[in-house]
Amino acid sequence: TAMQALALARQWCPDVVVLDVSLRDGDRGYTVLRSLTHLCPNCEV
């Protein structure tokens, strides 16, 4: 889910995120993508 993804991104600040376009919680991935640019600006998605 988007919520889990953002919690893990905050914890680990990954270098790469593999992101599904359509998540179980109804998010199209845009929310996660936009949030990652602020949480982990050097992360590649």
Full PDB file with SEQRES, HELIX, SHEET, SSBOND, CRYST1, ORIGX, SCALE, CONECT and MASTER records, all heavy atoms in Angstrom:
SEQRES   1 A   45  THR ALA MET GLN ALA LEU ALA LEU ALA ARG GLN TRP CYS          
SEQRES   2 A   45  PRO ASP VAL VAL VAL LEU ASP VAL SER LEU ARG ASP GLY          
SEQRES   3 A   45  ASP ARG GLY TYR THR VAL LEU ARG SER LEU THR HIS LEU          
SEQRES   4 A   45  CYS PRO ASN CYS GLU VAL                                      
HELIX    1 AA1 ALA A    2  TRP A   12  1                                  11    
HELIX    2 AA2 TYR A   30  LEU A   39  1                                  10    
CRYST1    1.000    1.000    1.000  90.00  90.00  90.00 P 1           1          
ORIGX1      1.000000  0.000000  0.000000        0.00000                         
ORIGX2      0.000000  1.000000  0.000000        0.00000                         
ORIGX3      0.000000  0.000000  1.000000        0.00000                         
SCALE1      1.000000  0.000000  0.000000        0.00000                         
SCALE2      0.000000  1.000000  0.000000        0.00000                         
SCALE3      0.000000  0.000000  1.000000        0.00000                         
ATOM      1  N   THR A   1       0.839  -1.198   0.000  1.00  0.00           N  
ATOM      2  CA  THR A   1       0.000   0.000   0.000  1.00  0.00           C  
ATOM      3  C   THR A   1       0.876   1.251   0.000  1.00  0.00           C  
ATOM      4  O   THR A   1       2.059   1.196   0.347  1.00  0.00           O  
ATOM      5  CB  THR A   1      -0.908   0.052   1.236  1.00  0.00           C  
ATOM      6  OG1 THR A   1      -0.100   0.222   2.403  1.00  0.00           O  
ATOM      7  CG2 THR A   1      -1.769  -1.202   1.369  1.00  0.00           C  
ATOM      8  N   ALA A   2       0.261   2.365  -0.347  1.00  0.00           N  
ATOM      9  CA  ALA A   2       0.970   3.642  -0.334  1.00  0.00           C  
ATOM     10  C   ALA A   2       1.452   3.976   1.075  1.00  0.00           C  
ATOM     11  O   ALA A   2       2.587   4.426   1.256  1.00  0.00           O  
ATOM     12  CB  ALA A   2       0.064   4.749  -0.874  1.00  0.00           C  
ATOM     13  N   MET A   3       0.627   3.742   2.073  1.00  0.00           N  
ATOM     14  CA  MET A   3       0.999   4.054   3.458  1.00  0.00           C  
ATOM     15  C   MET A   3       2.229   3.252   3.901  1.00  0.00           C  
ATOM     16  O   MET A   3       3.158   3.803   4.482  1.00  0.00           O  
ATOM     17  CB  MET A   3      -0.182   3.787   4.397  1.00  0.00           C  
ATOM     18  CG  MET A   3       0.108   4.125   5.847  1.00  0.00           C  
ATOM     19  SD  MET A   3      -1.266   3.676   6.915  1.00  0.00           S  
ATOM     20  CE  MET A   3      -2.160   5.203   6.892  1.00  0.00           C  
ATOM     21  N   GLN A   4       2.232   1.962   3.608  1.00  0.00           N  
ATOM     22  CA  GLN A   4       3.390   1.124   3.932  1.00  0.00           C  
ATOM     23  C   GLN A   4       4.629   1.594   3.181  1.00  0.00           C  
ATOM     24  O   GLN A   4       5.722   1.652   3.742  1.00  0.00           O  
ATOM     25  CB  GLN A   4       3.118  -0.338   3.574  1.00  0.00           C  
ATOM     26  CG  GLN A   4       2.111  -1.039   4.420  1.00  0.00           C  
ATOM     27  CD  GLN A   4       1.765  -2.421   3.855  1.00  0.00           C  
ATOM     28  OE1 GLN A   4       2.092  -2.756   2.718  1.00  0.00           O  
ATOM     29  NE2 GLN A   4       1.088  -3.226   4.664  1.00  0.00           N  
ATOM     30  N   ALA A   5       4.451   1.933   1.903  1.00  0.00           N  
ATOM     31  CA  ALA A   5       5.579   2.358   1.075  1.00  0.00           C  
ATOM     32  C   ALA A   5       6.235   3.604   1.648  1.00  0.00           C  
ATOM     33  O   ALA A   5       7.464   3.674   1.757  1.00  0.00           O  
ATOM     34  CB  ALA A   5       5.100   2.627  -0.343  1.00  0.00           C  
ATOM     35  N   LEU A   6       5.445   4.573   2.035  1.00  0.00           N  
ATOM     36  CA  LEU A   6       5.996   5.824   2.546  1.00  0.00           C  
ATOM     37  C   LEU A   6       6.652   5.634   3.911  1.00  0.00           C  
ATOM     38  O   LEU A   6       7.681   6.253   4.198  1.00  0.00           O  
ATOM     39  CB  LEU A   6       4.917   6.901   2.577  1.00  0.00           C  
ATOM     40  CG  LEU A   6       4.385   7.259   1.181  1.00  0.00           C  
ATOM     41  CD1 LEU A   6       3.255   8.271   1.286  1.00  0.00           C  
ATOM     42  CD2 LEU A   6       5.497   7.745   0.271  1.00  0.00           C  
ATOM     43  N   ALA A   7       6.089   4.759   4.736  1.00  0.00           N  
ATOM     44  CA  ALA A   7       6.713   4.464   6.030  1.00  0.00           C  
ATOM     45  C   ALA A   7       8.083   3.815   5.828  1.00  0.00           C  
ATOM     46  O   ALA A   7       9.057   4.193   6.489  1.00  0.00           O  
ATOM     47  CB  ALA A   7       5.803   3.562   6.866  1.00  0.00           C  
ATOM     48  N   LEU A   8       8.172   2.858   4.917  1.00  0.00           N  
ATOM     49  CA  LEU A   8       9.456   2.201   4.640  1.00  0.00           C  
ATOM     50  C   LEU A   8      10.442   3.161   3.981  1.00  0.00           C  
ATOM     51  O   LEU A   8      11.644   3.111   4.254  1.00  0.00           O  
ATOM     52  CB  LEU A   8       9.245   0.962   3.771  1.00  0.00           C  
ATOM     53  CG  LEU A   8       8.635  -0.239   4.484  1.00  0.00           C  
ATOM     54  CD1 LEU A   8       8.250  -1.327   3.490  1.00  0.00           C  
ATOM     55  CD2 LEU A   8       9.597  -0.790   5.527  1.00  0.00           C  
ATOM     56  N   ALA A   9       9.955   4.043   3.131  1.00  0.00           N  
ATOM     57  CA  ALA A   9      10.839   5.024   2.494  1.00  0.00           C  
ATOM     58  C   ALA A   9      11.424   5.965   3.540  1.00  0.00           C  
ATOM     59  O   ALA A   9      12.608   6.303   3.485  1.00  0.00           O  
ATOM     60  CB  ALA A   9      10.076   5.804   1.429  1.00  0.00           C  
ATOM     61  N   ARG A  10      10.606   6.385   4.499  1.00  0.00           N  
ATOM     62  CA  ARG A  10      11.114   7.244   5.585  1.00  0.00           C  
ATOM     63  C   ARG A  10      12.188   6.505   6.389  1.00  0.00           C  
ATOM     64  O   ARG A  10      13.190   7.085   6.776  1.00  0.00           O  
ATOM     65  CB  ARG A  10       9.982   7.642   6.528  1.00  0.00           C  
ATOM     66  CG  ARG A  10       9.184   8.803   6.070  1.00  0.00           C  
ATOM     67  CD  ARG A  10       8.149   9.227   7.121  1.00  0.00           C  
ATOM     68  NE  ARG A  10       7.112  10.000   6.495  1.00  0.00           N  
ATOM     69  CZ  ARG A  10       5.977   9.509   6.011  1.00  0.00           C  
ATOM     70  NH1 ARG A  10       5.703   8.229   6.091  1.00  0.00           N  
ATOM     71  NH2 ARG A  10       5.107  10.307   5.433  1.00  0.00           N  
ATOM     72  N   GLN A  11      11.945   5.242   6.632  1.00  0.00           N  
ATOM     73  CA  GLN A  11      12.868   4.448   7.456  1.00  0.00           C  
ATOM     74  C   GLN A  11      14.194   4.194   6.738  1.00  0.00           C  
ATOM     75  O   GLN A  11      15.253   4.303   7.343  1.00  0.00           O  
ATOM     76  CB  GLN A  11      12.215   3.113   7.806  1.00  0.00           C  
ATOM     77  CG  GLN A  11      13.090   2.189   8.613  1.00  0.00           C  
ATOM     78  CD  GLN A  11      12.397   0.858   8.909  1.00  0.00           C  
ATOM     79  OE1 GLN A  11      11.223   0.663   8.631  1.00  0.00           O  
ATOM     80  NE2 GLN A  11      13.157  -0.067   9.460  1.00  0.00           N  
ATOM     81  N   TRP A  12      14.147   3.856   5.455  1.00  0.00           N  
ATOM     82  CA  TRP A  12      15.339   3.391   4.743  1.00  0.00           C  
ATOM     83  C   TRP A  12      15.938   4.389   3.760  1.00  0.00           C  
ATOM     84  O   TRP A  12      17.089   4.237   3.360  1.00  0.00           O  
ATOM     85  CB  TRP A  12      15.023   2.096   3.978  1.00  0.00           C  
ATOM     86  CG  TRP A  12      14.827   0.948   4.883  1.00  0.00           C  
ATOM     87  CD1 TRP A  12      13.633   0.402   5.285  1.00  0.00           C  
ATOM     88  CD2 TRP A  12      15.836   0.179   5.520  1.00  0.00           C  
ATOM     89  NE1 TRP A  12      13.854  -0.646   6.121  1.00  0.00           N  
ATOM     90  CE2 TRP A  12      15.206  -0.819   6.288  1.00  0.00           C  
ATOM     91  CE3 TRP A  12      17.231   0.224   5.508  1.00  0.00           C  
ATOM     92  CZ2 TRP A  12      15.914  -1.742   7.033  1.00  0.00           C  
ATOM     93  CZ3 TRP A  12      17.938  -0.699   6.261  1.00  0.00           C  
ATOM     94  CH2 TRP A  12      17.281  -1.672   7.012  1.00  0.00           C  
ATOM     95  N   CYS A  13      15.172   5.357   3.302  1.00  0.00           N  
ATOM     96  CA  CYS A  13      15.598   6.284   2.243  1.00  0.00           C  
ATOM     97  C   CYS A  13      16.324   5.500   1.134  1.00  0.00           C  
ATOM     98  O   CYS A  13      17.531   5.640   0.928  1.00  0.00           O  
ATOM     99  CB  CYS A  13      16.466   7.402   2.799  1.00  0.00           C  
ATOM    100  SG  CYS A  13      16.491   8.810   1.673  1.00  0.00           S  
ATOM    101  N   PRO A  14      15.583   4.644   0.422  1.00  0.00           N  
ATOM    102  CA  PRO A  14      16.200   3.765  -0.576  1.00  0.00           C  
ATOM    103  C   PRO A  14      16.795   4.529  -1.754  1.00  0.00           C  
ATOM    104  O   PRO A  14      16.427   5.668  -2.019  1.00  0.00           O  
ATOM    105  CB  PRO A  14      15.029   2.888  -1.036  1.00  0.00           C  
ATOM    106  CG  PRO A  14      13.821   3.712  -0.768  1.00  0.00           C  
ATOM    107  CD  PRO A  14      14.129   4.538   0.445  1.00  0.00           C  
ATOM    108  N   ASP A  15      17.707   3.865  -2.443  1.00  0.00           N  
ATOM    109  CA  ASP A  15      18.306   4.414  -3.653  1.00  0.00           C  
ATOM    110  C   ASP A  15      17.384   4.227  -4.846  1.00  0.00           C  
ATOM    111  O   ASP A  15      17.339   5.061  -5.748  1.00  0.00           O  
ATOM    112  CB  ASP A  15      19.644   3.725  -3.938  1.00  0.00           C  
ATOM    113  CG  ASP A  15      20.604   3.864  -2.772  1.00  0.00           C  
ATOM    114  OD1 ASP A  15      20.899   5.011  -2.392  1.00  0.00           O  
ATOM    115  OD2 ASP A  15      21.019   2.823  -2.224  1.00  0.00           O  
ATOM    116  N   VAL A  16      16.662   3.099  -4.849  1.00  0.00           N  
ATOM    117  CA  VAL A  16      15.739   2.757  -5.932  1.00  0.00           C  
ATOM    118  C   VAL A  16      14.443   2.244  -5.319  1.00  0.00           C  
ATOM    119  O   VAL A  16      14.468   1.458  -4.374  1.00  0.00           O  
ATOM    120  CB  VAL A  16      16.332   1.669  -6.868  1.00  0.00           C  
ATOM    121  CG1 VAL A  16      15.303   1.173  -7.868  1.00  0.00           C  
ATOM    122  CG2 VAL A  16      17.572   2.189  -7.583  1.00  0.00           C  
ATOM    123  N   VAL A  17      13.329   2.694  -5.888  1.00  0.00           N  
ATOM    124  CA  VAL A  17      12.014   2.159  -5.516  1.00  0.00           C  
ATOM    125  C   VAL A  17      11.391   1.577  -6.772  1.00  0.00           C  
ATOM    126  O   VAL A  17      11.311   2.246  -7.802  1.00  0.00           O  
ATOM    127  CB  VAL A  17      11.089   3.250  -4.928  1.00  0.00           C  
ATOM    128  CG1 VAL A  17       9.683   2.695  -4.700  1.00  0.00           C  
ATOM    129  CG2 VAL A  17      11.663   3.802  -3.634  1.00  0.00           C  
ATOM    130  N   VAL A  18      10.982   0.313  -6.681  1.00  0.00           N  
ATOM    131  CA  VAL A  18      10.207  -0.318  -7.735  1.00  0.00           C  
ATOM    132  C   VAL A  18       8.754  -0.104  -7.337  1.00  0.00           C  
ATOM    133  O   VAL A  18       8.321  -0.580  -6.287  1.00  0.00           O  
ATOM    134  CB  VAL A  18      10.517  -1.826  -7.863  1.00  0.00           C  
ATOM    135  CG1 VAL A  18       9.652  -2.450  -8.944  1.00  0.00           C  
ATOM    136  CG2 VAL A  18      11.998  -2.053  -8.136  1.00  0.00           C  
ATOM    137  N   LEU A  19       8.006   0.644  -8.146  1.00  0.00           N  
ATOM    138  CA  LEU A  19       6.663   1.082  -7.774  1.00  0.00           C  
ATOM    139  C   LEU A  19       5.628   0.579  -8.765  1.00  0.00           C  
ATOM    140  O   LEU A  19       5.697   0.877  -9.958  1.00  0.00           O  
ATOM    141  CB  LEU A  19       6.640   2.613  -7.705  1.00  0.00           C  
ATOM    142  CG  LEU A  19       5.319   3.301  -7.388  1.00  0.00           C  
ATOM    143  CD1 LEU A  19       4.747   2.824  -6.053  1.00  0.00           C  
ATOM    144  CD2 LEU A  19       5.522   4.815  -7.380  1.00  0.00           C  
ATOM    145  N   ASP A  20       4.677  -0.171  -8.250  1.00  0.00           N  
ATOM    146  CA  ASP A  20       3.547  -0.633  -9.051  1.00  0.00           C  
ATOM    147  C   ASP A  20       2.656   0.564  -9.373  1.00  0.00           C  
ATOM    148  O   ASP A  20       2.442   1.437  -8.533  1.00  0.00           O  
ATOM    149  CB  ASP A  20       2.766  -1.671  -8.240  1.00  0.00           C  
ATOM    150  CG  ASP A  20       1.674  -2.371  -9.017  1.00  0.00           C  
ATOM    151  OD1 ASP A  20       1.517  -2.121 -10.221  1.00  0.00           O  
ATOM    152  OD2 ASP A  20       0.956  -3.185  -8.409  1.00  0.00           O  
ATOM    153  N   VAL A  21       2.132   0.609 -10.565  1.00  0.00           N  
ATOM    154  CA  VAL A  21       1.280   1.713 -10.991  1.00  0.00           C  
ATOM    155  C   VAL A  21      -0.056   1.701 -10.242  1.00  0.00           C  
ATOM    156  O   VAL A  21      -0.589   2.739  -9.896  1.00  0.00           O  
ATOM    157  CB  VAL A  21       1.061   1.656 -12.519  1.00  0.00           C  
ATOM    158  CG1 VAL A  21      -0.081   2.544 -12.953  1.00  0.00           C  
ATOM    159  CG2 VAL A  21       2.338   2.044 -13.232  1.00  0.00           C  
ATOM    160  N   SER A  22      -0.579   0.530  -9.957  1.00  0.00           N  
ATOM    161  CA  SER A  22      -1.887   0.415  -9.311  1.00  0.00           C  
ATOM    162  C   SER A  22      -1.758  -0.408  -8.033  1.00  0.00           C  
ATOM    163  O   SER A  22      -1.529  -1.615  -8.090  1.00  0.00           O  
ATOM    164  CB  SER A  22      -2.872  -0.253 -10.273  1.00  0.00           C  
ATOM    165  OG  SER A  22      -4.134  -0.354  -9.690  1.00  0.00           O  
ATOM    166  N   LEU A  23      -1.923   0.255  -6.894  1.00  0.00           N  
ATOM    167  CA  LEU A  23      -1.770  -0.426  -5.606  1.00  0.00           C  
ATOM    168  C   LEU A  23      -3.117  -0.870  -5.044  1.00  0.00           C  
ATOM    169  O   LEU A  23      -4.171  -0.358  -5.414  1.00  0.00           O  
ATOM    170  CB  LEU A  23      -1.057   0.491  -4.614  1.00  0.00           C  
ATOM    171  CG  LEU A  23       0.358   0.889  -5.019  1.00  0.00           C  
ATOM    172  CD1 LEU A  23       0.909   1.925  -4.057  1.00  0.00           C  
ATOM    173  CD2 LEU A  23       1.249  -0.337  -5.075  1.00  0.00           C  
ATOM    174  N   ARG A  24      -3.051  -1.791  -4.129  1.00  0.00           N  
ATOM    175  CA  ARG A  24      -4.232  -2.400  -3.535  1.00  0.00           C  
ATOM    176  C   ARG A  24      -5.164  -1.382  -2.890  1.00  0.00           C  
ATOM    177  O   ARG A  24      -6.374  -1.530  -2.904  1.00  0.00           O  
ATOM    178  CB  ARG A  24      -3.775  -3.424  -2.491  1.00  0.00           C  
ATOM    179  CG  ARG A  24      -4.886  -4.260  -1.941  1.00  0.00           C  
ATOM    180  CD  ARG A  24      -4.340  -5.401  -1.135  1.00  0.00           C  
ATOM    181  NE  ARG A  24      -3.701  -6.339  -2.053  1.00  0.00           N  
ATOM    182  CZ  ARG A  24      -2.876  -7.293  -1.694  1.00  0.00           C  
ATOM    183  NH1 ARG A  24      -2.562  -7.431  -0.433  1.00  0.00           N  
ATOM    184  NH2 ARG A  24      -2.348  -8.104  -2.569  1.00  0.00           N  
ATOM    185  N   ASP A  25      -4.616  -0.327  -2.321  1.00  0.00           N  
ATOM    186  CA  ASP A  25      -5.449   0.657  -1.625  1.00  0.00           C  
ATOM    187  C   ASP A  25      -6.057   1.687  -2.576  1.00  0.00           C  
ATOM    188  O   ASP A  25      -6.606   2.692  -2.146  1.00  0.00           O  
ATOM    189  CB  ASP A  25      -4.669   1.347  -0.511  1.00  0.00           C  
ATOM    190  CG  ASP A  25      -3.390   2.029  -1.001  1.00  0.00           C  
ATOM    191  OD1 ASP A  25      -3.090   1.984  -2.206  1.00  0.00           O  
ATOM    192  OD2 ASP A  25      -2.686   2.593  -0.161  1.00  0.00           O  
ATOM    193  N   GLY A  26      -5.980   1.415  -3.878  1.00  0.00           N  
ATOM    194  CA  GLY A  26      -6.604   2.283  -4.863  1.00  0.00           C  
ATOM    195  C   GLY A  26      -5.703   3.384  -5.383  1.00  0.00           C  
ATOM    196  O   GLY A  26      -6.085   4.118  -6.290  1.00  0.00           O  
ATOM    197  N   ASP A  27      -4.507   3.517  -4.857  1.00  0.00           N  
ATOM    198  CA  ASP A  27      -3.594   4.552  -5.320  1.00  0.00           C  
ATOM    199  C   ASP A  27      -3.013   4.142  -6.662  1.00  0.00           C  
ATOM    200  O   ASP A  27      -2.636   3.001  -6.869  1.00  0.00           O  
ATOM    201  CB  ASP A  27      -2.472   4.759  -4.297  1.00  0.00           C  
ATOM    202  CG  ASP A  27      -1.575   5.903  -4.690  1.00  0.00           C  
ATOM    203  OD1 ASP A  27      -1.917   7.056  -4.389  1.00  0.00           O  
ATOM    204  OD2 ASP A  27      -0.538   5.627  -5.320  1.00  0.00           O  
ATOM    205  N   ARG A  28      -2.911   5.081  -7.573  1.00  0.00           N  
ATOM    206  CA  ARG A  28      -2.329   4.825  -8.881  1.00  0.00           C  
ATOM    207  C   ARG A  28      -0.812   4.947  -8.862  1.00  0.00           C  
ATOM    208  O   ARG A  28      -0.176   4.926  -9.894  1.00  0.00           O  
ATOM    209  CB  ARG A  28      -2.903   5.783  -9.914  1.00  0.00           C  
ATOM    210  CG  ARG A  28      -4.205   5.338 -10.454  1.00  0.00           C  
ATOM    211  CD  ARG A  28      -3.970   4.394 -11.623  1.00  0.00           C  
ATOM    212  NE  ARG A  28      -5.215   4.088 -12.260  1.00  0.00           N  
ATOM    213  CZ  ARG A  28      -5.552   2.870 -12.620  1.00  0.00           C  
ATOM    214  NH1 ARG A  28      -4.770   1.863 -12.385  1.00  0.00           N  
ATOM    215  NH2 ARG A  28      -6.687   2.662 -13.205  1.00  0.00           N  
ATOM    216  N   GLY A  29      -0.225   5.108  -7.733  1.00  0.00           N  
ATOM    217  CA  GLY A  29       1.218   5.229  -7.647  1.00  0.00           C  
ATOM    218  C   GLY A  29       1.692   6.673  -7.679  1.00  0.00           C  
ATOM    219  O   GLY A  29       2.802   6.973  -7.270  1.00  0.00           O  
ATOM    220  N   TYR A  30       0.837   7.579  -8.159  1.00  0.00           N  
ATOM    221  CA  TYR A  30       1.234   8.988  -8.225  1.00  0.00           C  
ATOM    222  C   TYR A  30       1.498   9.572  -6.840  1.00  0.00           C  
ATOM    223  O   TYR A  30       2.436  10.343  -6.664  1.00  0.00           O  
ATOM    224  CB  TYR A  30       0.163   9.833  -8.933  1.00  0.00           C  
ATOM    225  CG  TYR A  30       0.162   9.687 -10.428  1.00  0.00           C  
ATOM    226  CD1 TYR A  30      -0.876   9.038 -11.072  1.00  0.00           C  
ATOM    227  CD2 TYR A  30       1.202  10.202 -11.195  1.00  0.00           C  
ATOM    228  CE1 TYR A  30      -0.887   8.906 -12.454  1.00  0.00           C  
ATOM    229  CE2 TYR A  30       1.204  10.067 -12.573  1.00  0.00           C  
ATOM    230  CZ  TYR A  30       0.159   9.419 -13.191  1.00  0.00           C  
ATOM    231  OH  TYR A  30       0.155   9.279 -14.554  1.00  0.00           O  
ATOM    232  N   THR A  31       0.678   9.193  -5.877  1.00  0.00           N  
ATOM    233  CA  THR A  31       0.859   9.710  -4.516  1.00  0.00           C  
ATOM    234  C   THR A  31       2.226   9.314  -3.976  1.00  0.00           C  
ATOM    235  O   THR A  31       2.952  10.139  -3.424  1.00  0.00           O  
ATOM    236  CB  THR A  31      -0.241   9.172  -3.576  1.00  0.00           C  
ATOM    237  OG1 THR A  31      -1.512   9.535  -4.107  1.00  0.00           O  
ATOM    238  CG2 THR A  31      -0.083   9.708  -2.172  1.00  0.00           C  
ATOM    239  N   VAL A  32       2.566   8.062  -4.144  1.00  0.00           N  
ATOM    240  CA  VAL A  32       3.861   7.573  -3.664  1.00  0.00           C  
ATOM    241  C   VAL A  32       4.986   8.262  -4.424  1.00  0.00           C  
ATOM    242  O   VAL A  32       5.951   8.744  -3.817  1.00  0.00           O  
ATOM    243  CB  VAL A  32       3.966   6.034  -3.791  1.00  0.00           C  
ATOM    244  CG1 VAL A  32       5.347   5.553  -3.399  1.00  0.00           C  
ATOM    245  CG2 VAL A  32       2.895   5.355  -2.944  1.00  0.00           C  
ATOM    246  N   LEU A  33       4.866   8.340  -5.732  1.00  0.00           N  
ATOM    247  CA  LEU A  33       5.898   8.970  -6.553  1.00  0.00           C  
ATOM    248  C   LEU A  33       6.128  10.421  -6.125  1.00  0.00           C  
ATOM    249  O   LEU A  33       7.261  10.843  -5.907  1.00  0.00           O  
ATOM    250  CB  LEU A  33       5.515   8.899  -8.037  1.00  0.00           C  
ATOM    251  CG  LEU A  33       6.487   9.511  -9.035  1.00  0.00           C  
ATOM    252  CD1 LEU A  33       7.863   8.860  -8.934  1.00  0.00           C  
ATOM    253  CD2 LEU A  33       5.929   9.374 -10.445  1.00  0.00           C  
ATOM    254  N   ARG A  34       5.056  11.181  -5.976  1.00  0.00           N  
ATOM    255  CA  ARG A  34       5.187  12.585  -5.557  1.00  0.00           C  
ATOM    256  C   ARG A  34       5.805  12.699  -4.175  1.00  0.00           C  
ATOM    257  O   ARG A  34       6.655  13.554  -3.927  1.00  0.00           O  
ATOM    258  CB  ARG A  34       3.823  13.262  -5.577  1.00  0.00           C  
ATOM    259  CG  ARG A  34       3.398  13.666  -6.956  1.00  0.00           C  
ATOM    260  CD  ARG A  34       2.139  14.530  -6.897  1.00  0.00           C  
ATOM    261  NE  ARG A  34       1.288  14.176  -8.013  1.00  0.00           N  
ATOM    262  CZ  ARG A  34       0.148  13.516  -7.926  1.00  0.00           C  
ATOM    263  NH1 ARG A  34      -0.333  13.154  -6.763  1.00  0.00           N  
ATOM    264  NH2 ARG A  34      -0.534  13.237  -9.004  1.00  0.00           N  
ATOM    265  N   SER A  35       5.377  11.853  -3.264  1.00  0.00           N  
ATOM    266  CA  SER A  35       5.894  11.901  -1.894  1.00  0.00           C  
ATOM    267  C   SER A  35       7.363  11.521  -1.825  1.00  0.00           C  
ATOM    268  O   SER A  35       8.108  12.086  -1.032  1.00  0.00           O  
ATOM    269  CB  SER A  35       5.080  10.978  -0.988  1.00  0.00           C  
ATOM    270  OG  SER A  35       3.740  11.418  -0.920  1.00  0.00           O  
ATOM    271  N   LEU A  36       7.787  10.577  -2.665  1.00  0.00           N  
ATOM    272  CA  LEU A  36       9.187  10.158  -2.661  1.00  0.00           C  
ATOM    273  C   LEU A  36      10.128  11.284  -3.067  1.00  0.00           C  
ATOM    274  O   LEU A  36      11.255  11.352  -2.583  1.00  0.00           O  
ATOM    275  CB  LEU A  36       9.394   8.948  -3.579  1.00  0.00           C  
ATOM    276  CG  LEU A  36       8.868   7.624  -3.054  1.00  0.00           C  
ATOM    277  CD1 LEU A  36       8.936   6.557  -4.150  1.00  0.00           C  
ATOM    278  CD2 LEU A  36       9.621   7.185  -1.822  1.00  0.00           C  
ATOM    279  N   THR A  37       9.672  12.171  -3.932  1.00  0.00           N  
ATOM    280  CA  THR A  37      10.535  13.272  -4.341  1.00  0.00           C  
ATOM    281  C   THR A  37      10.874  14.183  -3.165  1.00  0.00           C  
ATOM    282  O   THR A  37      11.922  14.825  -3.166  1.00  0.00           O  
ATOM    283  CB  THR A  37       9.901  14.108  -5.479  1.00  0.00           C  
ATOM    284  OG1 THR A  37       8.675  14.664  -5.027  1.00  0.00           O  
ATOM    285  CG2 THR A  37       9.658  13.257  -6.709  1.00  0.00           C  
ATOM    286  N   HIS A  38      10.009  14.208  -2.151  1.00  0.00           N  
ATOM    287  CA  HIS A  38      10.265  15.019  -0.955  1.00  0.00           C  
ATOM    288  C   HIS A  38      10.982  14.213   0.133  1.00  0.00           C  
ATOM    289  O   HIS A  38      11.883  14.725   0.785  1.00  0.00           O  
ATOM    290  CB  HIS A  38       8.959  15.588  -0.401  1.00  0.00           C  
ATOM    291  CG  HIS A  38       8.257  16.463  -1.380  1.00  0.00           C  
ATOM    292  ND1 HIS A  38       8.730  17.704  -1.765  1.00  0.00           N  
ATOM    293  CD2 HIS A  38       7.125  16.271  -2.101  1.00  0.00           C  
ATOM    294  CE1 HIS A  38       7.916  18.229  -2.655  1.00  0.00           C  
ATOM    295  NE2 HIS A  38       6.938  17.383  -2.887  1.00  0.00           N  
ATOM    296  N   LEU A  39      10.565  12.960   0.305  1.00  0.00           N  
ATOM    297  CA  LEU A  39      11.158  12.119   1.352  1.00  0.00           C  
ATOM    298  C   LEU A  39      12.589  11.701   1.031  1.00  0.00           C  
ATOM    299  O   LEU A  39      13.449  11.697   1.905  1.00  0.00           O  
ATOM    300  CB  LEU A  39      10.325  10.846   1.543  1.00  0.00           C  
ATOM    301  CG  LEU A  39       8.990  10.977   2.233  1.00  0.00           C  
ATOM    302  CD1 LEU A  39       8.244   9.650   2.177  1.00  0.00           C  
ATOM    303  CD2 LEU A  39       9.183  11.420   3.671  1.00  0.00           C  
ATOM    304  N   CYS A  40      12.814  11.301  -0.190  1.00  0.00           N  
ATOM    305  CA  CYS A  40      14.105  10.766  -0.628  1.00  0.00           C  
ATOM    306  C   CYS A  40      14.450  11.383  -1.987  1.00  0.00           C  
ATOM    307  O   CYS A  40      14.295  10.732  -3.028  1.00  0.00           O  
ATOM    308  CB  CYS A  40      14.048   9.247  -0.755  1.00  0.00           C  
ATOM    309  SG  CYS A  40      13.448   8.392   0.689  1.00  0.00           S  
ATOM    310  N   PRO A  41      14.883  12.628  -1.998  1.00  0.00           N  
ATOM    311  CA  PRO A  41      15.076  13.337  -3.268  1.00  0.00           C  
ATOM    312  C   PRO A  41      16.080  12.693  -4.215  1.00  0.00           C  
ATOM    313  O   PRO A  41      16.014  12.922  -5.425  1.00  0.00           O  
ATOM    314  CB  PRO A  41      15.528  14.730  -2.839  1.00  0.00           C  
ATOM    315  CG  PRO A  41      15.882  14.641  -1.408  1.00  0.00           C  
ATOM    316  CD  PRO A  41      15.213  13.446  -0.842  1.00  0.00           C  
ATOM    317  N   ASN A  42      16.985  11.882  -3.728  1.00  0.00           N  
ATOM    318  CA  ASN A  42      17.971  11.233  -4.601  1.00  0.00           C  
ATOM    319  C   ASN A  42      17.545   9.836  -5.049  1.00  0.00           C  
ATOM    320  O   ASN A  42      18.288   9.156  -5.750  1.00  0.00           O  
ATOM    321  CB  ASN A  42      19.329  11.165  -3.905  1.00  0.00           C  
ATOM    322  CG  ASN A  42      19.881  12.551  -3.653  1.00  0.00           C  
ATOM    323  OD1 ASN A  42      19.738  13.442  -4.483  1.00  0.00           O  
ATOM    324  ND2 ASN A  42      20.483  12.745  -2.496  1.00  0.00           N  
ATOM    325  N   CYS A  43      16.378   9.423  -4.640  1.00  0.00           N  
ATOM    326  CA  CYS A  43      15.859   8.097  -4.974  1.00  0.00           C  
ATOM    327  C   CYS A  43      15.412   8.056  -6.436  1.00  0.00           C  
ATOM    328  O   CYS A  43      14.813   8.995  -6.942  1.00  0.00           O  
ATOM    329  CB  CYS A  43      14.670   7.810  -4.052  1.00  0.00           C  
ATOM    330  SG  CYS A  43      13.793   6.313  -4.441  1.00  0.00           S  
ATOM    331  N   GLU A  44      15.719   6.962  -7.106  1.00  0.00           N  
ATOM    332  CA  GLU A  44      15.244   6.741  -8.468  1.00  0.00           C  
ATOM    333  C   GLU A  44      14.049   5.799  -8.402  1.00  0.00           C  
ATOM    334  O   GLU A  44      14.097   4.782  -7.709  1.00  0.00           O  
ATOM    335  CB  GLU A  44      16.337   6.126  -9.334  1.00  0.00           C  
ATOM    336  CG  GLU A  44      17.503   7.059  -9.576  1.00  0.00           C  
ATOM    337  CD  GLU A  44      18.507   6.452 -10.515  1.00  0.00           C  
ATOM    338  OE1 GLU A  44      19.276   5.588 -10.062  1.00  0.00           O  
ATOM    339  OE2 GLU A  44      18.514   6.829 -11.697  1.00  0.00           O  
ATOM    340  N   VAL A  45      12.984   6.147  -9.110  1.00  0.00           N  
ATOM    341  CA  VAL A  45      11.767   5.338  -9.094  1.00  0.00           C  
ATOM    342  C   VAL A  45      11.578   4.692 -10.451  1.00  0.00           C  
ATOM    343  O   VAL A  45      11.605   5.367 -11.483  1.00  0.00           O  
ATOM    344  CB  VAL A  45      10.529   6.193  -8.738  1.00  0.00           C  
ATOM    345  CG1 VAL A  45       9.264   5.333  -8.748  1.00  0.00           C  
ATOM    346  CG2 VAL A  45      10.719   6.860  -7.370  1.00  0.00           C  
TER     347      VAL A  45                                                      
MASTER        0    0    0    2    0    0    0    6  346    1    0    4          
END                                                                             
